[in-house]
Amino acid sequence: MVVMILERTDSRTRGELTRWLLEPKAGVFVGTVSALVRDKLWQLACQRVGGSGGGILVYNTDNEQGFALRLWGDTTRVVRDFDGLNLVTVPPKQS
């Protein structure tokens, strides 16, 4: 299972991703694809997301949590590794 969440992306990229994944909500893509296809789609999304955009990729893997996370761009989230356990944090706003 693959879940890809893209923020501030164009309709062209969304259209290309829907060839492989379902888009139940704008910018949220879900599906089951091979690791090669997943990585190619992620690479495509990262290349096309604008300078103020960002993305999160969640996919199955063989670890304690059963999934892995990849973040790219400005997602307002940070993944922190605590002894093999990935946790998502929201940094405080700088004033």
N, C-alpha and C. Protein backbone atom coordinates (compact mmCIF):
# COMPACT_ATOMS: atom_id res chain seq x y z
N MET A 1 0.84 -1.18 0.00
CA MET A 1 0.00 0.00 0.00
C MET A 1 0.89 1.24 0.00
N VAL A 2 0.50 2.20 -0.79
CA VAL A 2 1.22 3.47 -0.92
C VAL A 2 0.23 4.60 -0.70
N VAL A 3 0.62 5.57 0.12
CA VAL A 3 -0.16 6.79 0.29
C VAL A 3 0.78 7.96 0.01
N MET A 4 0.37 8.82 -0.90
CA MET A 4 1.17 10.00 -1.24
C MET A 4 0.29 11.23 -1.04
N ILE A 5 0.78 12.18 -0.27
CA ILE A 5 0.04 13.42 0.00
C ILE A 5 0.88 14.57 -0.55
N LEU A 6 0.31 15.28 -1.50
CA LEU A 6 1.02 16.40 -2.12
C LEU A 6 0.32 17.70 -1.80
N GLU A 7 1.10 18.69 -1.43
CA GLU A 7 0.57 20.01 -1.12
C GLU A 7 1.00 20.99 -2.20
N ARG A 8 0.04 21.78 -2.68
CA ARG A 8 0.31 22.81 -3.68
C ARG A 8 0.97 22.24 -4.94
N THR A 9 0.28 21.30 -5.58
CA THR A 9 0.77 20.73 -6.83
C THR A 9 -0.19 21.05 -7.96
N ASP A 10 0.27 20.92 -9.17
CA ASP A 10 -0.55 21.27 -10.33
C ASP A 10 -1.42 20.10 -10.80
N SER A 11 -2.41 20.42 -11.62
CA SER A 11 -3.36 19.40 -12.08
C SER A 11 -2.69 18.42 -13.04
N ARG A 12 -1.67 18.84 -13.74
CA ARG A 12 -0.95 17.94 -14.65
C ARG A 12 -0.30 16.78 -13.89
N THR A 13 0.37 17.11 -12.80
CA THR A 13 1.00 16.08 -11.98
C THR A 13 -0.05 15.18 -11.35
N ARG A 14 -1.12 15.78 -10.85
CA ARG A 14 -2.20 14.98 -10.26
C ARG A 14 -2.78 14.02 -11.28
N GLY A 15 -2.94 14.50 -12.52
CA GLY A 15 -3.48 13.65 -13.57
C GLY A 15 -2.58 12.47 -13.89
N GLU A 16 -1.27 12.72 -13.93
CA GLU A 16 -0.33 11.62 -14.20
C GLU A 16 -0.32 10.60 -13.08
N LEU A 17 -0.41 11.06 -11.85
CA LEU A 17 -0.42 10.13 -10.72
C LEU A 17 -1.68 9.28 -10.69
N THR A 18 -2.80 9.83 -11.17
CA THR A 18 -4.05 9.06 -11.15
C THR A 18 -4.06 7.93 -12.18
N ARG A 19 -3.07 7.86 -13.03
CA ARG A 19 -2.93 6.70 -13.91
C ARG A 19 -2.55 5.46 -13.11
N TRP A 20 -1.91 5.66 -11.98
CA TRP A 20 -1.41 4.56 -11.16
C TRP A 20 -2.11 4.45 -9.81
N LEU A 21 -2.54 5.59 -9.27
CA LEU A 21 -3.10 5.63 -7.92
C LEU A 21 -4.48 6.29 -7.94
N LEU A 22 -5.30 5.98 -6.95
CA LEU A 22 -6.58 6.64 -6.80
C LEU A 22 -6.39 7.94 -6.04
N GLU A 23 -7.22 8.94 -6.34
CA GLU A 23 -7.16 10.23 -5.65
C GLU A 23 -8.49 10.46 -4.94
N PRO A 24 -8.65 9.92 -3.71
CA PRO A 24 -9.93 10.07 -3.01
C PRO A 24 -10.22 11.50 -2.57
N LYS A 25 -9.18 12.29 -2.42
CA LYS A 25 -9.30 13.70 -2.06
C LYS A 25 -8.19 14.45 -2.78
N ALA A 26 -8.41 15.71 -3.09
CA ALA A 26 -7.40 16.47 -3.83
C ALA A 26 -6.04 16.41 -3.15
N GLY A 27 -5.04 15.93 -3.89
CA GLY A 27 -3.68 15.86 -3.37
C GLY A 27 -3.36 14.62 -2.57
N VAL A 28 -4.33 13.73 -2.36
CA VAL A 28 -4.11 12.49 -1.61
C VAL A 28 -4.24 11.33 -2.58
N PHE A 29 -3.20 10.52 -2.70
CA PHE A 29 -3.17 9.41 -3.65
C PHE A 29 -2.93 8.11 -2.89
N VAL A 30 -3.69 7.07 -3.26
CA VAL A 30 -3.62 5.79 -2.57
C VAL A 30 -3.60 4.67 -3.60
N GLY A 31 -2.80 3.65 -3.36
CA GLY A 31 -2.80 2.51 -4.26
C GLY A 31 -1.78 1.46 -3.86
N THR A 32 -1.74 0.42 -4.65
CA THR A 32 -0.79 -0.67 -4.47
C THR A 32 0.01 -0.79 -5.75
N VAL A 33 1.28 -0.46 -5.68
CA VAL A 33 2.18 -0.53 -6.83
C VAL A 33 3.50 -1.15 -6.37
N SER A 34 4.32 -1.54 -7.32
CA SER A 34 5.63 -2.10 -6.99
C SER A 34 6.54 -1.00 -6.42
N ALA A 35 7.62 -1.43 -5.80
CA ALA A 35 8.58 -0.47 -5.24
C ALA A 35 9.18 0.39 -6.34
N LEU A 36 9.43 -0.18 -7.51
CA LEU A 36 10.00 0.58 -8.61
C LEU A 36 9.03 1.67 -9.07
N VAL A 37 7.77 1.31 -9.26
CA VAL A 37 6.77 2.29 -9.69
C VAL A 37 6.59 3.35 -8.61
N ARG A 38 6.53 2.94 -7.34
CA ARG A 38 6.40 3.89 -6.22
C ARG A 38 7.52 4.91 -6.25
N ASP A 39 8.76 4.45 -6.41
CA ASP A 39 9.90 5.36 -6.41
C ASP A 39 9.89 6.29 -7.62
N LYS A 40 9.48 5.78 -8.78
CA LYS A 40 9.39 6.63 -9.98
C LYS A 40 8.31 7.69 -9.82
N LEU A 41 7.15 7.31 -9.26
CA LEU A 41 6.08 8.28 -9.03
C LEU A 41 6.51 9.33 -8.01
N TRP A 42 7.21 8.93 -6.97
CA TRP A 42 7.69 9.87 -5.96
C TRP A 42 8.70 10.84 -6.58
N GLN A 43 9.59 10.31 -7.41
CA GLN A 43 10.56 11.15 -8.09
C GLN A 43 9.86 12.17 -8.99
N LEU A 44 8.85 11.74 -9.73
CA LEU A 44 8.07 12.63 -10.58
C LEU A 44 7.40 13.72 -9.75
N ALA A 45 6.77 13.33 -8.65
CA ALA A 45 6.07 14.29 -7.80
C ALA A 45 7.05 15.32 -7.21
N CYS A 46 8.20 14.86 -6.76
CA CYS A 46 9.18 15.78 -6.16
C CYS A 46 9.73 16.77 -7.19
N GLN A 47 9.88 16.33 -8.43
CA GLN A 47 10.39 17.21 -9.47
C GLN A 47 9.37 18.29 -9.84
N ARG A 48 8.09 17.94 -9.76
CA ARG A 48 7.05 18.84 -10.26
C ARG A 48 6.40 19.71 -9.19
N VAL A 49 6.53 19.34 -7.93
CA VAL A 49 5.92 20.17 -6.88
C VAL A 49 6.68 21.48 -6.83
N GLY A 50 5.95 22.57 -6.78
CA GLY A 50 6.55 23.90 -6.80
C GLY A 50 7.45 24.17 -5.61
N GLY A 51 8.13 25.31 -5.65
CA GLY A 51 9.05 25.67 -4.59
C GLY A 51 8.40 25.80 -3.22
N SER A 52 7.11 26.16 -3.16
CA SER A 52 6.45 26.28 -1.87
C SER A 52 5.64 25.03 -1.54
N GLY A 53 5.68 24.03 -2.40
CA GLY A 53 4.92 22.80 -2.17
C GLY A 53 5.73 21.77 -1.42
N GLY A 54 5.10 20.65 -1.16
CA GLY A 54 5.77 19.57 -0.47
C GLY A 54 4.99 18.29 -0.62
N GLY A 55 5.58 17.22 -0.12
CA GLY A 55 4.91 15.94 -0.21
C GLY A 55 5.33 14.98 0.88
N ILE A 56 4.44 14.04 1.15
CA ILE A 56 4.69 12.98 2.12
C ILE A 56 4.36 11.66 1.44
N LEU A 57 5.26 10.70 1.55
CA LEU A 57 5.05 9.37 1.01
C LEU A 57 5.07 8.38 2.16
N VAL A 58 4.04 7.55 2.24
CA VAL A 58 3.96 6.49 3.26
C VAL A 58 3.80 5.18 2.51
N TYR A 59 4.61 4.19 2.86
CA TYR A 59 4.54 2.90 2.17
C TYR A 59 4.91 1.76 3.11
N ASN A 60 4.42 0.57 2.77
CA ASN A 60 4.71 -0.63 3.55
C ASN A 60 6.18 -0.98 3.47
N THR A 61 6.72 -1.42 4.59
CA THR A 61 8.08 -1.94 4.61
C THR A 61 8.21 -2.90 5.78
N ASP A 62 9.31 -3.60 5.82
CA ASP A 62 9.51 -4.64 6.84
C ASP A 62 10.28 -4.07 8.03
N ASN A 63 9.57 -3.31 8.89
CA ASN A 63 10.17 -2.79 10.12
C ASN A 63 9.14 -2.93 11.25
N GLU A 64 9.47 -2.46 12.42
CA GLU A 64 8.56 -2.59 13.57
C GLU A 64 7.22 -1.91 13.35
N GLN A 65 7.23 -0.76 12.73
CA GLN A 65 5.99 -0.02 12.49
C GLN A 65 5.21 -0.57 11.30
N GLY A 66 5.88 -1.25 10.39
CA GLY A 66 5.23 -1.80 9.22
C GLY A 66 5.13 -0.82 8.06
N PHE A 67 5.67 0.38 8.23
CA PHE A 67 5.65 1.38 7.16
C PHE A 67 6.83 2.32 7.31
N ALA A 68 7.12 3.05 6.23
CA ALA A 68 8.18 4.05 6.23
C ALA A 68 7.60 5.35 5.69
N LEU A 69 8.26 6.44 6.03
CA LEU A 69 7.84 7.78 5.61
C LEU A 69 8.96 8.46 4.85
N ARG A 70 8.58 9.22 3.83
CA ARG A 70 9.51 10.12 3.15
C ARG A 70 8.82 11.47 3.06
N LEU A 71 9.55 12.51 3.36
CA LEU A 71 9.03 13.87 3.24
C LEU A 71 9.91 14.64 2.28
N TRP A 72 9.29 15.55 1.53
CA TRP A 72 10.04 16.38 0.61
C TRP A 72 9.41 17.76 0.58
N GLY A 73 10.24 18.79 0.51
CA GLY A 73 9.75 20.16 0.38
C GLY A 73 9.23 20.72 1.69
N ASP A 74 8.33 21.68 1.57
CA ASP A 74 7.77 22.38 2.72
C ASP A 74 6.48 21.70 3.15
N THR A 75 6.57 20.79 4.11
CA THR A 75 5.40 20.04 4.57
C THR A 75 4.96 20.46 5.96
N THR A 76 5.68 21.34 6.59
CA THR A 76 5.43 21.78 7.97
C THR A 76 5.48 20.62 8.96
N ARG A 77 6.09 19.53 8.56
CA ARG A 77 6.26 18.37 9.43
C ARG A 77 7.71 17.91 9.37
N VAL A 78 8.17 17.26 10.42
CA VAL A 78 9.52 16.70 10.47
C VAL A 78 9.42 15.29 11.01
N VAL A 79 10.08 14.34 10.35
CA VAL A 79 10.11 12.96 10.84
C VAL A 79 11.37 12.80 11.68
N ARG A 80 11.20 12.32 12.89
CA ARG A 80 12.33 12.09 13.79
C ARG A 80 12.42 10.61 14.10
N ASP A 81 13.64 10.11 14.10
CA ASP A 81 13.89 8.70 14.37
C ASP A 81 14.31 8.54 15.83
N PHE A 82 13.53 7.78 16.58
CA PHE A 82 13.84 7.49 17.97
C PHE A 82 14.08 5.99 18.09
N ASP A 83 15.36 5.58 17.99
CA ASP A 83 15.74 4.17 18.07
C ASP A 83 14.92 3.28 17.15
N GLY A 84 14.77 3.71 15.90
CA GLY A 84 14.06 2.93 14.90
C GLY A 84 12.58 3.20 14.82
N LEU A 85 12.05 4.02 15.71
CA LEU A 85 10.64 4.38 15.70
C LEU A 85 10.51 5.78 15.10
N ASN A 86 9.81 5.89 13.98
CA ASN A 86 9.63 7.18 13.33
C ASN A 86 8.43 7.90 13.93
N LEU A 87 8.65 9.12 14.35
CA LEU A 87 7.58 9.97 14.88
C LEU A 87 7.56 11.28 14.10
N VAL A 88 6.37 11.79 13.88
CA VAL A 88 6.21 13.04 13.14
C VAL A 88 6.01 14.16 14.15
N THR A 89 6.77 15.23 13.98
CA THR A 89 6.63 16.39 14.85
C THR A 89 6.32 17.63 14.01
N VAL A 90 5.65 18.56 14.64
CA VAL A 90 5.36 19.85 14.01
C VAL A 90 6.23 20.87 14.75
N PRO A 91 7.23 21.44 14.06
CA PRO A 91 8.07 22.42 14.74
C PRO A 91 7.29 23.66 15.14
N PRO A 92 7.66 24.30 16.25
CA PRO A 92 6.98 25.54 16.63
C PRO A 92 7.24 26.63 15.60
N LYS A 93 6.27 27.49 15.42
CA LYS A 93 6.41 28.60 14.47
C LYS A 93 7.43 29.59 14.99
N GLN A 94 8.29 30.05 14.08
CA GLN A 94 9.27 31.08 14.42
C GLN A 94 8.61 32.44 14.30
N SER A 95 8.80 33.30 15.29
CA SER A 95 8.20 34.62 15.20
C SER A 95 9.22 35.70 14.95
